[in-house]
Amino acid sequence: MKILRYFVILILFWTTATATTFNDLKESRKMVTQTHETDHGNFQCNTEASCSNHGECNTDNNACVCSEKYATYECEKGHQCCYKRKERLVGGLLQGFLGLFGAGFFYIEQIGWGIIQIGLITGGFGILFAIACLPLCIDCDDNSTTCLSIITCLYSIFFVVAFGIWIYGIVVISTGDMIDGNGVELY
């Protein structure tokens, strides 16, 4: 019964953390989109230098049309197209080959996802949940094999979750469905 209680608490914690992360991603994407739209209000595009040499002026001369690799994010006043976007191909390959250690997430500056990934795979979170399992081990009396199998089972669950996040990362980074840490879409 205690195992079931701990497992339910774990599931509740995980779903809450995941929902919060996805809501934060949606909000940051909205904020960046709004910022890009409002930046065009008083902007005068005169030359390619206004577009940081990474785009060209639109027909109304009130905004830059950035080349595929660049976006407008935290540019100096009077400039646009100064931010080099992260590449989906590079991020996807990093996630594919080194993704169990969070490499793809770190490349696109999604540091939270990278820390979760590396924490799960290296056992950082496994150790925390093993400590949470100690009350179960106290009830085991002299049967330490049961306690060890519970801890092994929990660590196996975290490895499976880490594997799932690895596959998820490959898909969303390679398809461009995830934004980088600054809220700019991948190219």
Protein backbone atom coordinates (compact mmCIF):
# COMPACT_ATOMS: atom_id res chain seq x y z
CA MET A 1 0.00 0.00 0.00
CA LYS A 2 2.85 2.38 0.77
CA ILE A 3 4.42 1.71 -2.61
CA LEU A 4 1.19 2.68 -4.32
CA ARG A 5 1.00 5.89 -2.27
CA TYR A 6 4.56 6.89 -3.24
CA PHE A 7 3.91 6.03 -6.87
CA VAL A 8 0.77 8.20 -6.96
CA ILE A 9 2.68 11.12 -5.40
CA LEU A 10 5.41 10.65 -8.03
CA ILE A 11 2.88 10.68 -10.89
CA LEU A 12 1.17 13.81 -9.52
CA PHE A 13 4.51 15.58 -9.17
CA TRP A 14 5.57 14.62 -12.70
CA THR A 15 2.31 15.70 -14.37
CA THR A 16 2.30 19.02 -12.52
CA ALA A 17 5.91 19.76 -13.50
CA THR A 18 5.29 18.78 -17.13
CA ALA A 19 2.10 20.87 -17.42
CA THR A 20 3.87 23.90 -15.96
CA THR A 21 6.75 23.52 -18.43
CA PHE A 22 4.44 23.31 -21.45
CA ASN A 23 2.43 26.35 -20.27
CA ASP A 24 5.66 28.32 -19.84
CA LEU A 25 6.70 27.40 -23.38
CA LYS A 26 3.36 28.56 -24.80
CA GLU A 27 3.52 31.85 -22.88
CA SER A 28 7.11 32.58 -23.96
CA ARG A 29 6.16 31.95 -27.61
CA LYS A 30 3.24 34.39 -27.29
CA MET A 31 5.44 37.05 -25.67
CA VAL A 32 8.11 36.83 -28.39
CA THR A 33 5.47 37.02 -31.14
CA GLN A 34 3.92 40.09 -29.54
CA THR A 35 7.34 41.71 -29.12
CA HIS A 36 8.16 41.18 -32.80
CA GLU A 37 4.84 42.68 -33.86
CA THR A 38 5.17 45.79 -31.68
CA ASP A 39 8.80 46.38 -32.71
CA HIS A 40 7.65 47.27 -36.22
CA GLY A 41 5.52 50.24 -35.08
CA ASN A 42 8.12 53.05 -35.15
CA PHE A 43 10.83 51.30 -37.15
CA GLN A 44 12.16 52.86 -40.35
CA CYS A 45 13.96 50.48 -42.64
CA ASN A 46 16.36 52.51 -44.79
CA THR A 47 19.18 50.17 -45.75
CA GLU A 48 20.29 46.60 -45.34
CA ALA A 49 22.31 47.86 -42.37
CA SER A 50 18.99 48.43 -40.57
CA CYS A 51 18.42 44.70 -41.04
CA SER A 52 21.90 43.90 -39.64
CA ASN A 53 22.91 42.71 -43.14
CA HIS A 54 20.73 39.61 -42.59
CA GLY A 55 17.57 40.69 -44.36
CA GLU A 56 15.98 43.33 -46.55
CA CYS A 57 13.40 46.07 -46.08
CA ASN A 58 9.78 45.25 -46.83
CA THR A 59 7.79 47.25 -49.40
CA ASP A 60 6.46 49.70 -46.79
CA ASN A 61 9.96 50.29 -45.32
CA ASN A 62 8.61 49.74 -41.80
CA ALA A 63 10.12 46.32 -41.12
CA CYS A 64 12.86 43.96 -42.17
CA VAL A 65 12.19 40.64 -43.82
CA CYS A 66 14.88 38.51 -42.18
CA SER A 67 16.72 35.75 -44.00
CA GLU A 68 15.84 32.21 -42.91
CA LYS A 69 18.74 31.90 -40.43
CA TYR A 70 18.03 35.16 -38.55
CA ALA A 71 15.27 36.67 -36.44
CA THR A 72 14.61 39.91 -34.60
CA TYR A 73 15.31 39.37 -30.92
CA GLU A 74 17.01 41.78 -28.50
CA CYS A 75 18.50 43.88 -31.28
CA GLU A 76 19.97 47.33 -30.80
CA LYS A 77 17.53 50.18 -31.35
CA GLY A 78 17.08 50.82 -35.06
CA HIS A 79 18.15 47.32 -36.08
CA GLN A 80 16.40 44.04 -36.78
CA CYS A 81 17.41 40.52 -37.88
CA CYS A 82 20.35 40.39 -35.45
CA TYR A 83 19.65 37.03 -33.74
CA LYS A 84 21.03 33.87 -35.35
CA ARG A 85 18.42 31.14 -34.96
CA LYS A 86 19.34 27.66 -33.76
CA GLU A 87 19.39 24.93 -36.41
CA ARG A 88 16.94 22.02 -36.24
CA LEU A 89 19.41 19.69 -37.94
CA VAL A 90 22.22 20.39 -35.45
CA GLY A 91 19.86 20.17 -32.48
CA GLY A 92 18.29 16.95 -33.78
CA LEU A 93 21.68 15.30 -34.36
CA LEU A 94 22.94 16.35 -30.93
CA GLN A 95 19.77 15.03 -29.34
CA GLY A 96 20.04 11.80 -31.34
CA PHE A 97 23.64 11.03 -30.44
CA LEU A 98 24.08 12.73 -27.05
CA GLY A 99 20.46 13.37 -26.10
CA LEU A 100 20.45 11.05 -23.11
CA PHE A 101 22.74 13.66 -21.55
CA GLY A 102 20.57 16.59 -22.70
CA ALA A 103 22.90 17.85 -25.46
CA GLY A 104 20.13 18.79 -27.90
CA PHE A 105 18.20 20.67 -25.23
CA PHE A 106 21.32 22.50 -24.06
CA TYR A 107 22.12 23.49 -27.69
CA ILE A 108 18.71 25.12 -28.18
CA GLU A 109 19.06 26.72 -24.73
CA GLN A 110 16.19 24.77 -23.15
CA ILE A 111 18.27 24.38 -20.00
CA GLY A 112 15.43 23.06 -17.82
CA TRP A 113 14.77 20.14 -20.17
CA GLY A 114 18.51 19.43 -20.37
CA ILE A 115 18.86 19.32 -16.58
CA ILE A 116 15.85 17.02 -16.27
CA GLN A 117 17.32 14.74 -18.94
CA ILE A 118 20.79 14.54 -17.45
CA GLY A 119 19.38 14.23 -13.93
CA LEU A 120 17.20 11.29 -14.87
CA ILE A 121 19.89 9.43 -16.79
CA THR A 122 22.70 9.90 -14.27
CA GLY A 123 20.58 8.90 -11.33
CA GLY A 124 20.39 12.28 -9.64
CA PHE A 125 16.65 11.98 -9.43
CA GLY A 126 16.92 8.24 -8.88
CA ILE A 127 18.93 8.87 -5.73
CA LEU A 128 16.34 11.36 -4.49
CA PHE A 129 13.57 8.83 -4.93
CA ALA A 130 15.68 6.10 -3.36
CA ILE A 131 15.89 8.31 -0.29
CA ALA A 132 12.13 8.75 -0.45
CA CYS A 133 11.92 4.95 -0.45
CA LEU A 134 13.73 4.61 2.89
CA PRO A 135 10.48 4.50 4.89
CA LEU A 136 9.55 1.44 2.85
CA CYS A 137 12.88 -0.16 3.72
CA ILE A 138 12.32 0.40 7.41
CA ASP A 139 9.19 -1.72 7.18
CA CYS A 140 11.11 -4.50 5.42
CA ASP A 141 12.60 -5.83 8.68
CA ASP A 142 15.41 -8.15 7.65
CA ASN A 143 14.35 -8.56 4.05
CA SER A 144 16.71 -6.09 2.37
CA THR A 145 16.22 -7.79 -1.01
CA THR A 146 12.73 -6.31 -1.22
CA CYS A 147 14.06 -2.82 -0.50
CA LEU A 148 16.77 -3.17 -3.12
CA SER A 149 14.29 -4.39 -5.73
CA ILE A 150 11.99 -1.42 -5.00
CA ILE A 151 14.86 1.04 -5.50
CA THR A 152 15.95 -0.80 -8.66
CA CYS A 153 12.39 -0.71 -9.95
CA LEU A 154 12.12 3.03 -9.32
CA TYR A 155 15.43 3.70 -11.05
CA SER A 156 14.28 1.59 -14.00
CA ILE A 157 11.14 3.71 -14.25
CA PHE A 158 13.26 6.87 -14.36
CA PHE A 159 15.48 5.39 -17.05
CA VAL A 160 12.39 4.61 -19.14
CA VAL A 161 11.14 8.19 -18.62
CA ALA A 162 14.59 9.54 -19.63
CA PHE A 163 14.46 7.36 -22.75
CA GLY A 164 10.99 8.74 -23.55
CA ILE A 165 12.19 12.32 -23.14
CA TRP A 166 15.16 11.51 -25.39
CA ILE A 167 12.83 10.29 -28.18
CA TYR A 168 10.47 13.22 -27.59
CA GLY A 169 13.43 15.63 -27.87
CA ILE A 170 14.59 14.11 -31.15
CA VAL A 171 11.12 14.54 -32.65
CA VAL A 172 10.29 18.07 -31.45
CA ILE A 173 13.74 19.51 -32.10
CA SER A 174 14.12 17.90 -35.56
CA THR A 175 10.66 19.02 -36.68
CA GLY A 176 11.07 22.53 -35.25
CA ASP A 177 8.08 22.15 -32.92
CA MET A 178 10.14 23.40 -29.96
CA ILE A 179 11.36 26.96 -29.57
CA ASP A 180 14.78 27.87 -28.28
CA GLY A 181 15.39 29.24 -24.81
CA ASN A 182 14.75 32.80 -26.01
CA GLY A 183 11.38 31.92 -27.52
CA VAL A 184 12.58 32.06 -31.12
CA GLU A 185 11.60 29.28 -33.51
CA LEU A 186 14.29 26.92 -34.83
CA TYR A 187 15.10 26.92 -38.51
